[in-house]
Each structure stands twice: as C-alpha cells, then as structure tokens.
PDB file of N, CA and C in Angstrom:
ATOM      1  N   MET A   1     -21.692  -6.571   5.385  1.00  0.00           N
ATOM      2  CA  MET A   1     -21.033  -7.217   4.257  1.00  0.00           C
ATOM      3  C   MET A   1     -19.781  -7.939   4.765  1.00  0.00           C
ATOM      4  N   ALA A   2     -19.514  -9.135   4.250  1.00  0.00           N
ATOM      5  CA  ALA A   2     -18.371  -9.925   4.678  1.00  0.00           C
ATOM      6  C   ALA A   2     -17.072  -9.252   4.256  1.00  0.00           C
ATOM      7  N   ARG A   3     -16.045  -9.504   5.022  1.00  0.00           N
ATOM      8  CA  ARG A   3     -14.741  -8.923   4.721  1.00  0.00           C
ATOM      9  C   ARG A   3     -13.746 -10.022   4.400  1.00  0.00           C
ATOM     10  N   VAL A   4     -12.818  -9.726   3.517  1.00  0.00           N
ATOM     11  CA  VAL A   4     -11.739 -10.639   3.180  1.00  0.00           C
ATOM     12  C   VAL A   4     -10.445  -9.902   3.451  1.00  0.00           C
ATOM     13  N   SER A   5      -9.741 -10.285   4.494  1.00  0.00           N
ATOM     14  CA  SER A   5      -8.476  -9.652   4.860  1.00  0.00           C
ATOM     15  C   SER A   5      -8.576  -8.131   4.866  1.00  0.00           C
ATOM     16  N   GLY A   6      -9.605  -7.617   5.475  1.00  0.00           N
ATOM     17  CA  GLY A   6      -9.737  -6.186   5.639  1.00  0.00           C
ATOM     18  C   GLY A   6     -10.366  -5.445   4.476  1.00  0.00           C
ATOM     19  N   VAL A   7     -10.736  -6.136   3.423  1.00  0.00           N
ATOM     20  CA  VAL A   7     -11.355  -5.482   2.270  1.00  0.00           C
ATOM     21  C   VAL A   7     -12.759  -6.033   2.108  1.00  0.00           C
ATOM     22  N   LYS A   8     -13.738  -5.155   1.992  1.00  0.00           N
ATOM     23  CA  LYS A   8     -15.101  -5.621   1.766  1.00  0.00           C
ATOM     24  C   LYS A   8     -15.162  -6.308   0.414  1.00  0.00           C
ATOM     25  N   LYS A   9     -15.800  -7.496   0.383  1.00  0.00           N
ATOM     26  CA  LYS A   9     -15.878  -8.256  -0.861  1.00  0.00           C
ATOM     27  C   LYS A   9     -16.441  -7.418  -1.999  1.00  0.00           C
ATOM     28  N   GLY A  10     -17.494  -6.686  -1.756  1.00  0.00           N
ATOM     29  CA  GLY A  10     -18.130  -5.907  -2.808  1.00  0.00           C
ATOM     30  C   GLY A  10     -17.270  -4.756  -3.308  1.00  0.00           C
ATOM     31  N   LYS A  11     -16.269  -4.364  -2.580  1.00  0.00           N
ATOM     32  CA  LYS A  11     -15.428  -3.231  -2.945  1.00  0.00           C
ATOM     33  C   LYS A  11     -14.069  -3.658  -3.489  1.00  0.00           C
ATOM     34  N   MET A  12     -13.824  -4.963  -3.593  1.00  0.00           N
ATOM     35  CA  MET A  12     -12.545  -5.456  -4.065  1.00  0.00           C
ATOM     36  C   MET A  12     -12.421  -5.254  -5.572  1.00  0.00           C
ATOM     37  N   THR A  13     -11.273  -4.797  -6.007  1.00  0.00           N
ATOM     38  CA  THR A  13     -11.050  -4.685  -7.443  1.00  0.00           C
ATOM     39  C   THR A  13     -10.767  -6.078  -8.001  1.00  0.00           C
ATOM     40  N   GLU A  14     -10.851  -6.205  -9.305  1.00  0.00           N
ATOM     41  CA  GLU A  14     -10.546  -7.483  -9.956  1.00  0.00           C
ATOM     42  C   GLU A  14      -9.113  -7.909  -9.644  1.00  0.00           C
ATOM     43  N   ALA A  15      -8.198  -6.951  -9.634  1.00  0.00           N
ATOM     44  CA  ALA A  15      -6.793  -7.257  -9.342  1.00  0.00           C
ATOM     45  C   ALA A  15      -6.628  -7.760  -7.903  1.00  0.00           C
ATOM     46  N   GLU A  16      -7.326  -7.127  -6.960  1.00  0.00           N
ATOM     47  CA  GLU A  16      -7.251  -7.558  -5.561  1.00  0.00           C
ATOM     48  C   GLU A  16      -7.827  -8.957  -5.389  1.00  0.00           C
ATOM     49  N   LEU A  17      -8.943  -9.216  -6.039  1.00  0.00           N
ATOM     50  CA  LEU A  17      -9.573 -10.530  -5.963  1.00  0.00           C
ATOM     51  C   LEU A  17      -8.638 -11.597  -6.534  1.00  0.00           C
ATOM     52  N   THR A  18      -8.066 -11.323  -7.690  1.00  0.00           N
ATOM     53  CA  THR A  18      -7.148 -12.276  -8.311  1.00  0.00           C
ATOM     54  C   THR A  18      -5.936 -12.534  -7.425  1.00  0.00           C
ATOM     55  N   GLU A  19      -5.414 -11.507  -6.800  1.00  0.00           N
ATOM     56  CA  GLU A  19      -4.258 -11.656  -5.906  1.00  0.00           C
ATOM     57  C   GLU A  19      -4.617 -12.516  -4.699  1.00  0.00           C
ATOM     58  N   ARG A  20      -5.785 -12.315  -4.121  1.00  0.00           N
ATOM     59  CA  ARG A  20      -6.211 -13.123  -2.963  1.00  0.00           C
ATOM     60  C   ARG A  20      -6.396 -14.589  -3.367  1.00  0.00           C
ATOM     61  N   ILE A  21      -6.939 -14.807  -4.537  1.00  0.00           N
ATOM     62  CA  ILE A  21      -7.110 -16.178  -5.024  1.00  0.00           C
ATOM     63  C   ILE A  21      -5.740 -16.816  -5.246  1.00  0.00           C
ATOM     64  N   ARG A  22      -4.821 -16.065  -5.837  1.00  0.00           N
ATOM     65  CA  ARG A  22      -3.471 -16.574  -6.077  1.00  0.00           C
ATOM     66  C   ARG A  22      -2.788 -16.969  -4.770  1.00  0.00           C
ATOM     67  N   GLU A  23      -2.912 -16.119  -3.751  1.00  0.00           N
ATOM     68  CA  GLU A  23      -2.317 -16.415  -2.452  1.00  0.00           C
ATOM     69  C   GLU A  23      -2.931 -17.670  -1.834  1.00  0.00           C
ATOM     70  N   LYS A  24      -4.253 -17.791  -1.907  1.00  0.00           N
ATOM     71  CA  LYS A  24      -4.942 -18.958  -1.358  1.00  0.00           C
ATOM     72  C   LYS A  24      -4.558 -20.213  -2.124  1.00  0.00           C
ATOM     73  N   ALA A  25      -4.455 -20.113  -3.452  1.00  0.00           N
ATOM     74  CA  ALA A  25      -4.070 -21.264  -4.270  1.00  0.00           C
ATOM     75  C   ALA A  25      -2.665 -21.744  -3.906  1.00  0.00           C
ATOM     76  N   LYS A  26      -1.755 -20.815  -3.695  1.00  0.00           N
ATOM     77  CA  LYS A  26      -0.394 -21.190  -3.306  1.00  0.00           C
ATOM     78  C   LYS A  26      -0.410 -21.891  -1.952  1.00  0.00           C
ATOM     79  N   GLU A  27      -1.184 -21.360  -1.026  1.00  0.00           N
ATOM     80  CA  GLU A  27      -1.311 -21.964   0.305  1.00  0.00           C
ATOM     81  C   GLU A  27      -1.851 -23.405   0.196  1.00  0.00           C
ATOM     82  N   LEU A  28      -2.904 -23.588  -0.594  1.00  0.00           N
ATOM     83  CA  LEU A  28      -3.481 -24.921  -0.776  1.00  0.00           C
ATOM     84  C   LEU A  28      -2.487 -25.866  -1.451  1.00  0.00           C
ATOM     85  N   TRP A  29      -1.798 -25.375  -2.467  1.00  0.00           N
ATOM     86  CA  TRP A  29      -0.812 -26.175  -3.202  1.00  0.00           C
ATOM     87  C   TRP A  29       0.283 -26.660  -2.258  1.00  0.00           C
ATOM     88  N   GLU A  30       0.752 -25.766  -1.392  1.00  0.00           N
ATOM     89  CA  GLU A  30       1.792 -26.149  -0.436  1.00  0.00           C
ATOM     90  C   GLU A  30       1.257 -27.156   0.578  1.00  0.00           C
ATOM     91  N   LYS A  31       0.026 -26.958   1.059  1.00  0.00           N
ATOM     92  CA  LYS A  31      -0.577 -27.897   2.016  1.00  0.00           C
ATOM     93  C   LYS A  31      -0.761 -29.280   1.413  1.00  0.00           C
ATOM     94  N   LYS A  32      -0.968 -29.328   0.084  1.00  0.00           N
ATOM     95  CA  LYS A  32      -1.192 -30.610  -0.595  1.00  0.00           C
ATOM     96  C   LYS A  32       0.118 -31.250  -1.033  1.00  0.00           C
ATOM     97  N   GLY A  33       1.238 -30.706  -0.580  1.00  0.00           N
ATOM     98  CA  GLY A  33       2.529 -31.297  -0.899  1.00  0.00           C
ATOM     99  C   GLY A  33       3.107 -30.874  -2.233  1.00  0.00           C
ATOM    100  N   ARG A  34       2.696 -29.705  -2.709  1.00  0.00           N
ATOM    101  CA  ARG A  34       3.208 -29.136  -3.967  1.00  0.00           C
ATOM    102  C   ARG A  34       3.016 -30.094  -5.143  1.00  0.00           C
ATOM    103  N   VAL A  35       1.843 -30.694  -5.189  1.00  0.00           N
ATOM    104  CA  VAL A  35       1.524 -31.654  -6.247  1.00  0.00           C
ATOM    105  C   VAL A  35       1.491 -30.974  -7.611  1.00  0.00           C
ATOM    106  N   GLN A  36       1.897 -31.705  -8.619  1.00  0.00           N
ATOM    107  CA  GLN A  36       1.890 -31.205  -9.992  1.00  0.00           C
ATOM    108  C   GLN A  36       0.642 -31.710 -10.701  1.00  0.00           C
ATOM    109  N   GLY A  37       0.164 -30.941 -11.666  1.00  0.00           N
ATOM    110  CA  GLY A  37      -0.944 -31.381 -12.501  1.00  0.00           C
ATOM    111  C   GLY A  37      -2.327 -31.131 -11.939  1.00  0.00           C
ATOM    112  N   GLN A  38      -2.428 -30.417 -10.817  1.00  0.00           N
ATOM    113  CA  GLN A  38      -3.733 -30.115 -10.239  1.00  0.00           C
ATOM    114  C   GLN A  38      -3.980 -28.615 -10.167  1.00  0.00           C
ATOM    115  N   ASP A  39      -3.341 -27.895 -11.058  1.00  0.00           N
ATOM    116  CA  ASP A  39      -3.421 -26.436 -11.042  1.00  0.00           C
ATOM    117  C   ASP A  39      -4.860 -25.925 -11.075  1.00  0.00           C
ATOM    118  N   LEU A  40      -5.629 -26.419 -12.018  1.00  0.00           N
ATOM    119  CA  LEU A  40      -6.995 -25.935 -12.180  1.00  0.00           C
ATOM    120  C   LEU A  40      -7.844 -26.272 -10.959  1.00  0.00           C
ATOM    121  N   GLU A  41      -7.739 -27.494 -10.472  1.00  0.00           N
ATOM    122  CA  GLU A  41      -8.527 -27.903  -9.309  1.00  0.00           C
ATOM    123  C   GLU A  41      -8.204 -27.043  -8.088  1.00  0.00           C
ATOM    124  N   ILE A  42      -6.915 -26.800  -7.880  1.00  0.00           N
ATOM    125  CA  ILE A  42      -6.488 -25.988  -6.734  1.00  0.00           C
ATOM    126  C   ILE A  42      -6.946 -24.546  -6.911  1.00  0.00           C
ATOM    127  N   TRP A  43      -6.828 -24.003  -8.126  1.00  0.00           N
ATOM    128  CA  TRP A  43      -7.265 -22.628  -8.384  1.00  0.00           C
ATOM    129  C   TRP A  43      -8.759 -22.479  -8.108  1.00  0.00           C
ATOM    130  N   LEU A  44      -9.549 -23.432  -8.609  1.00  0.00           N
ATOM    131  CA  LEU A  44     -10.991 -23.351  -8.425  1.00  0.00           C
ATOM    132  C   LEU A  44     -11.392 -23.479  -6.948  1.00  0.00           C
ATOM    133  N   GLU A  45     -10.680 -24.314  -6.216  1.00  0.00           N
ATOM    134  CA  GLU A  45     -10.947 -24.428  -4.776  1.00  0.00           C
ATOM    135  C   GLU A  45     -10.606 -23.116  -4.071  1.00  0.00           C
ATOM    136  N   ALA A  46      -9.479 -22.533  -4.425  1.00  0.00           N
ATOM    137  CA  ALA A  46      -9.072 -21.255  -3.839  1.00  0.00           C
ATOM    138  C   ALA A  46     -10.087 -20.167  -4.165  1.00  0.00           C
ATOM    139  N   GLU A  47     -10.545 -20.137  -5.395  1.00  0.00           N
ATOM    140  CA  GLU A  47     -11.533 -19.149  -5.835  1.00  0.00           C
ATOM    141  C   GLU A  47     -12.820 -19.288  -5.014  1.00  0.00           C
ATOM    142  N   ARG A  48     -13.258 -20.527  -4.842  1.00  0.00           N
ATOM    143  CA  ARG A  48     -14.484 -20.774  -4.066  1.00  0.00           C
ATOM    144  C   ARG A  48     -14.305 -20.306  -2.613  1.00  0.00           C
ATOM    145  N   LEU A  49     -13.157 -20.601  -2.017  1.00  0.00           N
ATOM    146  CA  LEU A  49     -12.925 -20.211  -0.631  1.00  0.00           C
ATOM    147  C   LEU A  49     -12.837 -18.691  -0.457  1.00  0.00           C
ATOM    148  N   VAL A  50     -12.185 -18.026  -1.382  1.00  0.00           N
ATOM    149  CA  VAL A  50     -12.045 -16.570  -1.282  1.00  0.00           C
ATOM    150  C   VAL A  50     -13.373 -15.864  -1.492  1.00  0.00           C
ATOM    151  N   LYS A  51     -14.184 -16.383  -2.394  1.00  0.00           N
ATOM    152  CA  LYS A  51     -15.463 -15.718  -2.715  1.00  0.00           C
ATOM    153  C   LYS A  51     -16.581 -16.010  -1.721  1.00  0.00           C
ATOM    154  N   LYS A  52     -16.419 -17.013  -0.861  1.00  0.00           N
ATOM    155  CA  LYS A  52     -17.520 -17.328   0.057  1.00  0.00           C
ATOM    156  C   LYS A  52     -17.622 -16.385   1.211  1.00  0.00           C
TER     157      LYS A  52
END
C-alpha cells in the first residue's frame, strides 16, 4: 500500500487527510506566487496529488 509522509493512505483519518491536503495546497499556492481567487483550483490540485 502506498504511503503518504509515513502514513498508509488506507489508514489515514479524515483529519490527517485534510491536514495533508491543506499543507499541499499552501505549498502550491506559494509556488504559484500566492495568487488570489484560485482557492478551489489549488485545493482540488492538492487533493488530487495527496490522494494519488
């Protein structure tokens, strides 16, 4: 089973998953120059990356 930062994906709690997505979204937002108005797009990209 794939691991995400030391936690098996299948064993992650909803809170852990949300926290990992939040961290990834912040990372993406900063890489994109802290753009405004793309919250949903960045969140969905982060969600896709964390869940893969």
